[in-house]
């Protein structure tokens, strides 16, 4: 005789599209990544499709959708750039619209030229360290402006982050070439 548990007949709730809400996190840039990981494992334990093999087809489909959304949300919140973009969008600010000053753009051109012309692994390491420090500072500024409600300035800082991330990619490629 088959024994059915309550979960075979119950419908799973649909997860929110708000990544912060899914993990019960406040809408702020600085998050507790340990709490995030703990909550992710807990939610995956409830929503993973393997936990609903004996459930109805609708419940299995909902579990698969929830699990996919959970994975996407977790991945995004762990990535500072994606997390910042998500925060701006949550406040109705387009993260792709900002104005970059000419001095910053000129500095980025000079920095990228340094990368391309560099043949010394030690110098590339220093450039990488400089880039990482600049990224950390921009994320710190993003958090301050976002928390203060200055969304346009926060978006401007995030646009600068994008340029520095591209420089980081150039650094990695150049390091591979130089050895």
N, C-alpha and C. Protein backbone atom coordinates (compact mmCIF):
# COMPACT_ATOMS: atom_id res chain seq x y z
N UNK A 1 0.85 -1.18 0.00
CA UNK A 1 0.00 0.00 0.00
C UNK A 1 0.89 1.24 0.00
N UNK A 2 0.55 2.22 -0.83
CA UNK A 2 1.32 3.46 -0.91
C UNK A 2 0.99 4.36 0.27
N UNK A 3 2.03 4.95 0.77
CA UNK A 3 1.86 5.87 1.88
C UNK A 3 2.15 7.28 1.37
N UNK A 4 1.18 8.16 1.45
CA UNK A 4 1.35 9.52 0.97
C UNK A 4 1.53 10.46 2.14
N UNK A 5 2.47 11.35 1.97
CA UNK A 5 2.65 12.38 2.99
C UNK A 5 1.96 13.64 2.50
N UNK A 6 1.84 14.59 3.40
CA UNK A 6 1.15 15.83 3.08
C UNK A 6 1.80 16.56 1.89
N UNK A 7 3.12 16.47 1.76
CA UNK A 7 3.79 17.22 0.70
C UNK A 7 3.42 16.73 -0.69
N UNK A 8 2.92 15.52 -0.79
CA UNK A 8 2.52 15.01 -2.10
C UNK A 8 1.30 15.75 -2.64
N UNK A 9 0.54 16.36 -1.77
CA UNK A 9 -0.68 17.01 -2.20
C UNK A 9 -0.64 18.52 -2.08
N UNK A 10 0.38 19.06 -1.41
CA UNK A 10 0.42 20.50 -1.20
C UNK A 10 1.16 21.20 -2.34
N UNK A 11 0.77 22.43 -2.59
CA UNK A 11 1.45 23.25 -3.59
C UNK A 11 2.54 24.05 -2.91
N UNK A 12 3.64 24.20 -3.61
CA UNK A 12 4.73 25.02 -3.10
C UNK A 12 4.41 26.49 -3.32
N UNK A 13 4.87 27.35 -2.42
CA UNK A 13 4.69 28.78 -2.67
C UNK A 13 5.61 29.22 -3.80
N UNK A 14 5.24 30.29 -4.48
CA UNK A 14 6.09 30.86 -5.50
C UNK A 14 7.01 31.86 -4.83
N UNK A 15 8.31 31.76 -5.13
CA UNK A 15 9.26 32.69 -4.54
C UNK A 15 9.12 34.08 -5.17
N UNK A 16 9.42 35.08 -4.39
CA UNK A 16 9.41 36.46 -4.85
C UNK A 16 10.51 36.67 -5.90
N UNK A 17 10.32 37.65 -6.77
CA UNK A 17 11.36 38.02 -7.73
C UNK A 17 12.40 38.94 -7.09
N UNK A 18 12.13 39.41 -5.88
CA UNK A 18 13.06 40.28 -5.17
C UNK A 18 14.09 39.40 -4.45
N UNK A 19 15.32 39.42 -4.96
CA UNK A 19 16.36 38.55 -4.42
C UNK A 19 16.61 38.78 -2.94
N UNK A 20 16.55 40.02 -2.50
CA UNK A 20 16.79 40.33 -1.10
C UNK A 20 15.67 39.76 -0.23
N UNK A 21 14.45 39.86 -0.73
CA UNK A 21 13.29 39.34 -0.01
C UNK A 21 13.37 37.81 0.12
N UNK A 22 13.81 37.14 -0.93
CA UNK A 22 13.93 35.68 -0.89
C UNK A 22 14.77 35.25 0.30
N UNK A 23 15.87 35.98 0.54
CA UNK A 23 16.81 35.60 1.60
C UNK A 23 16.61 36.39 2.89
N UNK A 24 15.52 37.13 2.98
CA UNK A 24 15.21 37.93 4.16
C UNK A 24 16.35 38.87 4.52
N UNK A 25 16.89 39.54 3.50
CA UNK A 25 17.99 40.48 3.69
C UNK A 25 17.48 41.90 3.49
N UNK A 26 18.06 42.85 4.22
CA UNK A 26 17.68 44.26 3.99
C UNK A 26 18.22 44.74 2.65
N UNK A 27 17.57 45.76 2.09
CA UNK A 27 18.01 46.34 0.83
C UNK A 27 19.21 47.25 1.08
N UNK A 28 20.37 46.62 1.22
CA UNK A 28 21.60 47.35 1.43
C UNK A 28 22.74 46.59 0.76
N UNK A 29 23.78 47.32 0.38
CA UNK A 29 24.88 46.69 -0.34
C UNK A 29 25.66 45.73 0.54
N UNK A 30 25.93 46.15 1.76
CA UNK A 30 26.69 45.29 2.68
C UNK A 30 25.77 44.19 3.20
N UNK A 31 26.11 42.95 2.89
CA UNK A 31 25.31 41.83 3.36
C UNK A 31 26.20 40.83 4.10
N UNK A 32 25.57 40.04 4.92
CA UNK A 32 26.26 38.97 5.65
C UNK A 32 26.27 37.74 4.74
N UNK A 33 27.43 37.47 4.12
CA UNK A 33 27.51 36.36 3.16
C UNK A 33 27.37 35.01 3.85
N UNK A 34 27.73 34.92 5.12
CA UNK A 34 27.55 33.67 5.86
C UNK A 34 26.05 33.41 6.06
N UNK A 35 25.31 34.44 6.44
CA UNK A 35 23.87 34.31 6.59
C UNK A 35 23.22 33.97 5.26
N UNK A 36 23.70 34.61 4.19
CA UNK A 36 23.18 34.33 2.85
C UNK A 36 23.38 32.87 2.48
N UNK A 37 24.57 32.34 2.71
CA UNK A 37 24.86 30.93 2.37
C UNK A 37 24.00 29.99 3.21
N UNK A 38 23.86 30.31 4.47
CA UNK A 38 23.05 29.46 5.37
C UNK A 38 21.60 29.43 4.92
N UNK A 39 21.06 30.60 4.59
CA UNK A 39 19.67 30.69 4.15
C UNK A 39 19.49 29.97 2.80
N UNK A 40 20.48 30.09 1.92
CA UNK A 40 20.43 29.42 0.62
C UNK A 40 20.32 27.91 0.81
N UNK A 41 21.19 27.35 1.65
CA UNK A 41 21.14 25.90 1.89
C UNK A 41 19.80 25.48 2.49
N UNK A 42 19.29 26.27 3.38
CA UNK A 42 18.00 25.97 4.00
C UNK A 42 16.87 25.98 2.96
N UNK A 43 16.85 27.01 2.13
CA UNK A 43 15.81 27.11 1.12
C UNK A 43 15.95 26.02 0.06
N UNK A 44 17.19 25.72 -0.34
CA UNK A 44 17.38 24.64 -1.31
C UNK A 44 16.88 23.32 -0.75
N UNK A 45 17.01 23.14 0.55
CA UNK A 45 16.50 21.92 1.18
C UNK A 45 15.00 21.79 1.04
N UNK A 46 14.31 22.93 0.96
CA UNK A 46 12.86 22.91 0.81
C UNK A 46 12.41 22.89 -0.65
N UNK A 47 13.15 23.57 -1.50
CA UNK A 47 12.68 23.77 -2.86
C UNK A 47 13.36 22.91 -3.92
N UNK A 48 14.41 22.23 -3.58
CA UNK A 48 15.12 21.46 -4.60
C UNK A 48 14.18 20.41 -5.21
N UNK A 49 14.18 20.28 -6.52
CA UNK A 49 13.26 19.34 -7.20
C UNK A 49 13.38 17.90 -6.70
N UNK A 50 14.56 17.47 -6.29
CA UNK A 50 14.73 16.11 -5.79
C UNK A 50 13.91 15.84 -4.54
N UNK A 51 13.55 16.88 -3.83
CA UNK A 51 12.74 16.73 -2.61
C UNK A 51 11.27 16.52 -2.93
N UNK A 52 10.91 16.67 -4.20
CA UNK A 52 9.49 16.61 -4.59
C UNK A 52 9.23 15.58 -5.69
N UNK A 53 10.04 14.54 -5.72
CA UNK A 53 9.90 13.51 -6.76
C UNK A 53 8.52 12.86 -6.72
N UNK A 54 8.00 12.62 -5.55
CA UNK A 54 6.70 11.96 -5.45
C UNK A 54 5.52 12.90 -5.46
N UNK A 55 5.75 14.17 -5.70
CA UNK A 55 4.69 15.18 -5.69
C UNK A 55 4.01 15.25 -7.05
N UNK A 56 2.98 16.07 -7.11
CA UNK A 56 2.27 16.26 -8.37
C UNK A 56 3.20 16.93 -9.39
N UNK A 57 2.83 16.83 -10.65
CA UNK A 57 3.62 17.44 -11.71
C UNK A 57 3.70 18.95 -11.50
N UNK A 58 2.59 19.58 -11.11
CA UNK A 58 2.58 21.02 -10.86
C UNK A 58 3.55 21.39 -9.74
N UNK A 59 3.57 20.61 -8.69
CA UNK A 59 4.47 20.87 -7.57
C UNK A 59 5.92 20.68 -7.99
N UNK A 60 6.18 19.65 -8.78
CA UNK A 60 7.54 19.42 -9.27
C UNK A 60 8.00 20.58 -10.15
N UNK A 61 7.11 21.06 -11.01
CA UNK A 61 7.46 22.20 -11.87
C UNK A 61 7.71 23.45 -11.04
N UNK A 62 6.87 23.67 -10.03
CA UNK A 62 7.05 24.84 -9.16
C UNK A 62 8.37 24.72 -8.39
N UNK A 63 8.70 23.52 -7.94
CA UNK A 63 9.96 23.30 -7.24
C UNK A 63 11.15 23.60 -8.15
N UNK A 64 11.06 23.17 -9.40
CA UNK A 64 12.15 23.43 -10.35
C UNK A 64 12.28 24.93 -10.62
N UNK A 65 11.16 25.62 -10.78
CA UNK A 65 11.20 27.07 -11.00
C UNK A 65 11.77 27.79 -9.78
N UNK A 66 11.31 27.40 -8.59
CA UNK A 66 11.82 28.02 -7.37
C UNK A 66 13.31 27.76 -7.20
N UNK A 67 13.73 26.55 -7.47
CA UNK A 67 15.14 26.19 -7.32
C UNK A 67 16.01 27.00 -8.29
N UNK A 68 15.54 27.15 -9.53
CA UNK A 68 16.29 27.93 -10.52
C UNK A 68 16.38 29.40 -10.09
N UNK A 69 15.27 29.96 -9.62
CA UNK A 69 15.26 31.34 -9.15
C UNK A 69 16.17 31.50 -7.93
N UNK A 70 16.13 30.54 -7.05
CA UNK A 70 16.97 30.56 -5.86
C UNK A 70 18.45 30.56 -6.24
N UNK A 71 18.82 29.71 -7.19
CA UNK A 71 20.21 29.67 -7.65
C UNK A 71 20.63 31.00 -8.27
N UNK A 72 19.76 31.56 -9.09
CA UNK A 72 20.05 32.84 -9.75
C UNK A 72 20.19 33.95 -8.71
N UNK A 73 19.29 34.00 -7.75
CA UNK A 73 19.32 35.03 -6.71
C UNK A 73 20.58 34.90 -5.86
N UNK A 74 20.92 33.69 -5.48
CA UNK A 74 22.11 33.46 -4.66
C UNK A 74 23.37 33.87 -5.40
N UNK A 75 23.47 33.48 -6.65
CA UNK A 75 24.63 33.83 -7.46
C UNK A 75 24.75 35.35 -7.59
N UNK A 76 23.65 36.03 -7.82
CA UNK A 76 23.65 37.48 -7.98
C UNK A 76 24.05 38.18 -6.69
N UNK A 77 23.48 37.79 -5.58
CA UNK A 77 23.77 38.47 -4.32
C UNK A 77 25.20 38.25 -3.85
N UNK A 78 25.80 37.16 -4.26
CA UNK A 78 27.21 36.90 -3.91
C UNK A 78 28.16 37.77 -4.74
N UNK A 79 27.70 38.21 -5.91
CA UNK A 79 28.51 39.04 -6.81
C UNK A 79 28.23 40.51 -6.52
N UNK A 80 29.23 41.26 -6.05
CA UNK A 80 28.97 42.66 -5.68
C UNK A 80 28.40 43.51 -6.82
N UNK A 81 28.87 43.30 -8.03
CA UNK A 81 28.37 44.09 -9.16
C UNK A 81 26.90 43.80 -9.43
N UNK A 82 26.54 42.54 -9.49
CA UNK A 82 25.15 42.15 -9.72
C UNK A 82 24.26 42.63 -8.56
N UNK A 83 24.77 42.50 -7.34
CA UNK A 83 24.02 42.94 -6.15
C UNK A 83 23.74 44.45 -6.24
N UNK A 84 24.75 45.23 -6.62
CA UNK A 84 24.58 46.68 -6.72
C UNK A 84 23.56 47.03 -7.81
N UNK A 85 23.65 46.36 -8.95
CA UNK A 85 22.68 46.60 -10.03
C UNK A 85 21.26 46.27 -9.55
N UNK A 86 21.13 45.17 -8.83
CA UNK A 86 19.82 44.76 -8.33
C UNK A 86 19.26 45.80 -7.36
N UNK A 87 20.13 46.34 -6.51
CA UNK A 87 19.69 47.37 -5.57
C UNK A 87 19.18 48.61 -6.31
N UNK A 88 19.93 49.06 -7.31
CA UNK A 88 19.49 50.23 -8.06
C UNK A 88 18.15 49.98 -8.75
N UNK A 89 18.02 48.81 -9.36
CA UNK A 89 16.75 48.47 -10.03
C UNK A 89 15.60 48.44 -9.03
N UNK A 90 15.86 47.96 -7.82
CA UNK A 90 14.81 47.86 -6.81
C UNK A 90 14.26 49.23 -6.42
N UNK A 91 15.06 50.26 -6.65
CA UNK A 91 14.64 51.63 -6.32
C UNK A 91 14.21 52.40 -7.57
N UNK A 92 14.09 51.68 -8.71
CA UNK A 92 13.64 52.32 -9.93
C UNK A 92 14.73 53.09 -10.67
N UNK A 93 15.97 52.89 -10.28
CA UNK A 93 17.09 53.58 -10.93
C UNK A 93 17.69 52.67 -11.99
N UNK A 94 17.82 53.16 -13.20
CA UNK A 94 18.43 52.39 -14.27
C UNK A 94 19.94 52.36 -14.03
N UNK A 95 20.53 51.18 -13.78
CA UNK A 95 21.96 51.12 -13.48
C UNK A 95 22.84 51.37 -14.70
N UNK A 96 22.24 51.43 -15.88
CA UNK A 96 23.02 51.63 -17.10
C UNK A 96 23.09 53.09 -17.53
N UNK A 97 22.40 53.97 -16.81
CA UNK A 97 22.37 55.38 -17.18
C UNK A 97 23.16 56.17 -16.15
N UNK A 98 24.30 56.68 -16.59
CA UNK A 98 25.11 57.53 -15.73
C UNK A 98 26.02 58.37 -16.59
N UNK A 99 26.61 59.37 -15.97
CA UNK A 99 27.51 60.27 -16.67
C UNK A 99 28.90 60.10 -16.07
N UNK A 100 29.85 59.74 -16.91
CA UNK A 100 31.23 59.60 -16.43
C UNK A 100 32.02 60.85 -16.79
N UNK A 101 32.80 61.31 -15.83
CA UNK A 101 33.58 62.51 -16.08
C UNK A 101 34.77 62.20 -16.99
N UNK A 102 35.19 63.24 -17.72
CA UNK A 102 36.27 63.09 -18.70
C UNK A 102 37.58 62.68 -18.03
N UNK A 103 37.82 63.16 -16.83
CA UNK A 103 39.06 62.82 -16.13
C UNK A 103 39.13 61.31 -15.84
N UNK A 104 38.03 60.75 -15.41
CA UNK A 104 38.00 59.31 -15.14
C UNK A 104 38.25 58.53 -16.42
N UNK A 105 37.58 58.91 -17.49
CA UNK A 105 37.76 58.20 -18.76
C UNK A 105 39.20 58.31 -19.26
N UNK A 106 39.79 59.46 -19.10
CA UNK A 106 41.19 59.64 -19.49
C UNK A 106 42.11 58.76 -18.64
N UNK A 107 41.83 58.73 -17.34
CA UNK A 107 42.62 57.87 -16.45
C UNK A 107 42.49 56.40 -16.83
N UNK A 108 41.30 56.00 -17.23
CA UNK A 108 41.09 54.60 -17.62
C UNK A 108 41.85 54.27 -18.90
N UNK A 109 41.85 55.21 -19.85
CA UNK A 109 42.62 54.99 -21.08
C UNK A 109 44.11 54.84 -20.77
N UNK A 110 44.62 55.71 -19.90
CA UNK A 110 46.03 55.63 -19.51
C UNK A 110 46.33 54.31 -18.80
N UNK A 111 45.44 53.91 -17.90
CA UNK A 111 45.64 52.67 -17.14
C UNK A 111 45.64 51.46 -18.08
N UNK A 112 44.71 51.43 -19.01
CA UNK A 112 44.64 50.32 -19.96
C UNK A 112 45.85 50.30 -20.89
N UNK A 113 46.36 51.48 -21.25
CA UNK A 113 47.61 51.53 -22.04
C UNK A 113 48.77 50.94 -21.25
N UNK A 114 48.83 51.26 -19.96
CA UNK A 114 49.89 50.69 -19.11
C UNK A 114 49.82 49.17 -19.11
N UNK A 115 48.62 48.66 -19.03
CA UNK A 115 48.43 47.20 -19.02
C UNK A 115 48.94 46.61 -20.33
N UNK A 116 48.49 47.17 -21.45
CA UNK A 116 48.83 46.62 -22.76
C UNK A 116 50.32 46.69 -23.06
N UNK A 117 51.00 47.71 -22.55
CA UNK A 117 52.42 47.89 -22.83
C UNK A 117 53.34 47.20 -21.82
N UNK A 118 52.77 46.65 -20.78
CA UNK A 118 53.57 46.07 -19.71
C UNK A 118 54.05 44.65 -20.07
N UNK A 119 55.33 44.43 -19.86
CA UNK A 119 55.92 43.10 -20.10
C UNK A 119 56.53 42.52 -18.83
N UNK A 120 56.32 43.18 -17.70
CA UNK A 120 56.92 42.76 -16.44
C UNK A 120 55.86 42.19 -15.50
N UNK A 121 55.98 40.92 -15.11
CA UNK A 121 54.99 40.31 -14.20
C UNK A 121 54.83 41.07 -12.88
N UNK A 122 55.92 41.60 -12.36
CA UNK A 122 55.85 42.34 -11.10
C UNK A 122 55.03 43.61 -11.23
N UNK A 123 55.21 44.30 -12.33
CA UNK A 123 54.45 45.53 -12.58
C UNK A 123 52.98 45.20 -12.80
N UNK A 124 52.70 44.11 -13.52
CA UNK A 124 51.31 43.68 -13.70
C UNK A 124 50.66 43.37 -12.36
N UNK A 125 51.42 42.78 -11.46
CA UNK A 125 50.90 42.47 -10.12
C UNK A 125 50.55 43.77 -9.38
N UNK A 126 51.40 44.77 -9.51
CA UNK A 126 51.14 46.07 -8.88
C UNK A 126 49.90 46.73 -9.50
N UNK A 127 49.78 46.66 -10.80
CA UNK A 127 48.62 47.23 -11.47
C UNK A 127 47.34 46.53 -11.02
N UNK A 128 47.43 45.23 -10.87
CA UNK A 128 46.27 44.46 -10.39
C UNK A 128 45.88 44.89 -8.98
N UNK A 129 46.87 45.06 -8.12
CA UNK A 129 46.60 45.49 -6.74
C UNK A 129 45.95 46.88 -6.74
N UNK A 130 46.48 47.76 -7.55
CA UNK A 130 45.91 49.11 -7.67
C UNK A 130 44.46 49.04 -8.12
N UNK A 131 44.18 48.21 -9.12
CA UNK A 131 42.83 48.05 -9.64
C UNK A 131 41.89 47.47 -8.58
N UNK A 132 42.35 46.47 -7.84
CA UNK A 132 41.53 45.88 -6.78
C UNK A 132 41.20 46.90 -5.69
N UNK A 133 42.17 47.72 -5.33
CA UNK A 133 41.94 48.76 -4.31
C UNK A 133 40.94 49.79 -4.82
N UNK A 134 41.06 50.17 -6.09
CA UNK A 134 40.12 51.13 -6.67
C UNK A 134 38.71 50.55 -6.72
N UNK A 135 38.59 49.27 -7.06
CA UNK A 135 37.28 48.60 -7.06
C UNK A 135 36.67 48.60 -5.66
N UNK A 136 37.47 48.24 -4.67
CA UNK A 136 36.97 48.21 -3.29
C UNK A 136 36.49 49.60 -2.86
N UNK A 137 37.22 50.62 -3.23
CA UNK A 137 36.83 51.99 -2.87
C UNK A 137 35.53 52.39 -3.57
N UNK A 138 35.38 52.04 -4.83
CA UNK A 138 34.15 52.37 -5.54
C UNK A 138 32.94 51.64 -4.96
N UNK A 139 33.12 50.39 -4.57
CA UNK A 139 32.02 49.65 -3.93
C UNK A 139 31.68 50.29 -2.57
N UNK A 140 32.70 50.73 -1.84
CA UNK A 140 32.46 51.40 -0.55
C UNK A 140 31.64 52.67 -0.79
N UNK A 141 32.04 53.45 -1.80
CA UNK A 141 31.31 54.67 -2.12
C UNK A 141 29.89 54.36 -2.60
N UNK A 142 29.76 53.32 -3.41
CA UNK A 142 28.43 52.94 -3.87
C UNK A 142 27.52 52.69 -2.67
N UNK A 143 28.00 51.92 -1.71
CA UNK A 143 27.20 51.60 -0.52
C UNK A 143 26.80 52.86 0.23
N UNK A 144 27.73 53.78 0.40
CA UNK A 144 27.43 55.03 1.12
C UNK A 144 26.37 55.85 0.40
N UNK A 145 26.54 56.03 -0.91
CA UNK A 145 25.57 56.83 -1.66
C UNK A 145 24.21 56.13 -1.76
N UNK A 146 24.22 54.82 -1.94
CA UNK A 146 22.95 54.10 -2.02
C UNK A 146 22.20 54.22 -0.70
N UNK A 147 22.89 53.96 0.40
CA UNK A 147 22.24 54.03 1.72
C UNK A 147 21.75 55.43 2.04
N UNK A 148 22.41 56.46 1.49
CA UNK A 148 22.01 57.84 1.71
C UNK A 148 20.87 58.26 0.77
N UNK A 149 20.52 57.39 -0.17
CA UNK A 149 19.44 57.68 -1.09
C UNK A 149 19.87 58.48 -2.32
N UNK A 150 21.17 58.68 -2.50
CA UNK A 150 21.68 59.38 -3.67
C UNK A 150 21.93 58.35 -4.78
N UNK A 151 20.85 57.96 -5.42
CA UNK A 151 20.89 56.86 -6.38
C UNK A 151 21.67 57.20 -7.65
N UNK A 152 21.61 58.43 -8.09
CA UNK A 152 22.35 58.80 -9.30
C UNK A 152 23.85 58.70 -9.08
N UNK A 153 24.32 59.20 -7.94
CA UNK A 153 25.76 59.11 -7.65
C UNK A 153 26.16 57.66 -7.44
N UNK A 154 25.29 56.88 -6.82
CA UNK A 154 25.57 55.44 -6.65
C UNK A 154 25.69 54.77 -8.01
N UNK A 155 24.79 55.12 -8.93
CA UNK A 155 24.84 54.55 -10.30
C UNK A 155 26.12 54.99 -11.01
N UNK A 156 26.54 56.23 -10.80
CA UNK A 156 27.78 56.70 -11.41
C UNK A 156 28.97 55.88 -10.89
N UNK A 157 28.99 55.60 -9.61
CA UNK A 157 30.09 54.79 -9.05
C UNK A 157 30.07 53.38 -9.63
N UNK A 158 28.88 52.84 -9.83
CA UNK A 158 28.77 51.51 -10.39
C UNK A 158 29.24 51.48 -11.85
N UNK A 159 29.00 52.54 -12.59
CA UNK A 159 29.50 52.61 -13.96
C UNK A 159 31.02 52.59 -13.98
N UNK A 160 31.63 53.26 -13.01
CA UNK A 160 33.09 53.23 -12.92
C UNK A 160 33.58 51.83 -12.57
N UNK A 161 32.82 51.14 -11.73
CA UNK A 161 33.17 49.75 -11.39
C UNK A 161 33.25 48.91 -12.65
N UNK A 162 32.30 49.12 -13.54
CA UNK A 162 32.27 48.34 -14.79
C UNK A 162 33.56 48.53 -15.58
N UNK A 163 34.04 49.75 -15.65
CA UNK A 163 35.31 50.02 -16.36
C UNK A 163 36.47 49.31 -15.67
N UNK A 164 36.49 49.35 -14.35
CA UNK A 164 37.58 48.70 -13.62
C UNK A 164 37.52 47.18 -13.76
N UNK A 165 36.33 46.64 -13.85
CA UNK A 165 36.20 45.19 -14.07
C UNK A 165 36.74 44.82 -15.45
N UNK A 166 36.50 45.66 -16.43
CA UNK A 166 37.04 45.41 -17.76
C UNK A 166 38.56 45.49 -17.73
N UNK A 167 39.10 46.42 -16.95
CA UNK A 167 40.56 46.52 -16.80
C UNK A 167 41.11 45.27 -16.12
N UNK A 168 40.36 44.74 -15.17
CA UNK A 168 40.79 43.52 -14.48
C UNK A 168 40.88 42.37 -15.49
N UNK A 169 39.92 42.29 -16.38
CA UNK A 169 39.97 41.26 -17.42
C UNK A 169 41.19 41.44 -18.32
N UNK A 170 41.49 42.69 -18.67
CA UNK A 170 42.68 42.96 -19.48
C UNK A 170 43.95 42.55 -18.73
N UNK A 171 43.98 42.84 -17.43
CA UNK A 171 45.12 42.45 -16.62
C UNK A 171 45.31 40.93 -16.61
N UNK A 172 44.22 40.20 -16.48
CA UNK A 172 44.31 38.74 -16.46
C UNK A 172 44.83 38.21 -17.79
N UNK A 173 44.32 38.75 -18.89
CA UNK A 173 44.77 38.33 -20.22
C UNK A 173 46.24 38.68 -20.43
N UNK A 174 46.64 39.87 -20.03
CA UNK A 174 48.02 40.28 -20.21
C UNK A 174 48.96 39.44 -19.35
N UNK A 175 48.52 39.10 -18.16
CA UNK A 175 49.33 38.26 -17.26
C UNK A 175 49.55 36.90 -17.88
N UNK A 176 48.54 36.35 -18.56
CA UNK A 176 48.69 35.07 -19.24
C UNK A 176 49.72 35.16 -20.36
N UNK A 177 49.71 36.26 -21.09
CA UNK A 177 50.64 36.45 -22.21
C UNK A 177 52.07 36.62 -21.70
N UNK A 178 52.23 37.46 -20.66
CA UNK A 178 53.56 37.77 -20.14
C UNK A 178 54.11 36.58 -19.35
N UNK A 179 53.22 35.90 -18.65
CA UNK A 179 53.64 34.72 -17.91
C UNK A 179 53.97 34.96 -16.53
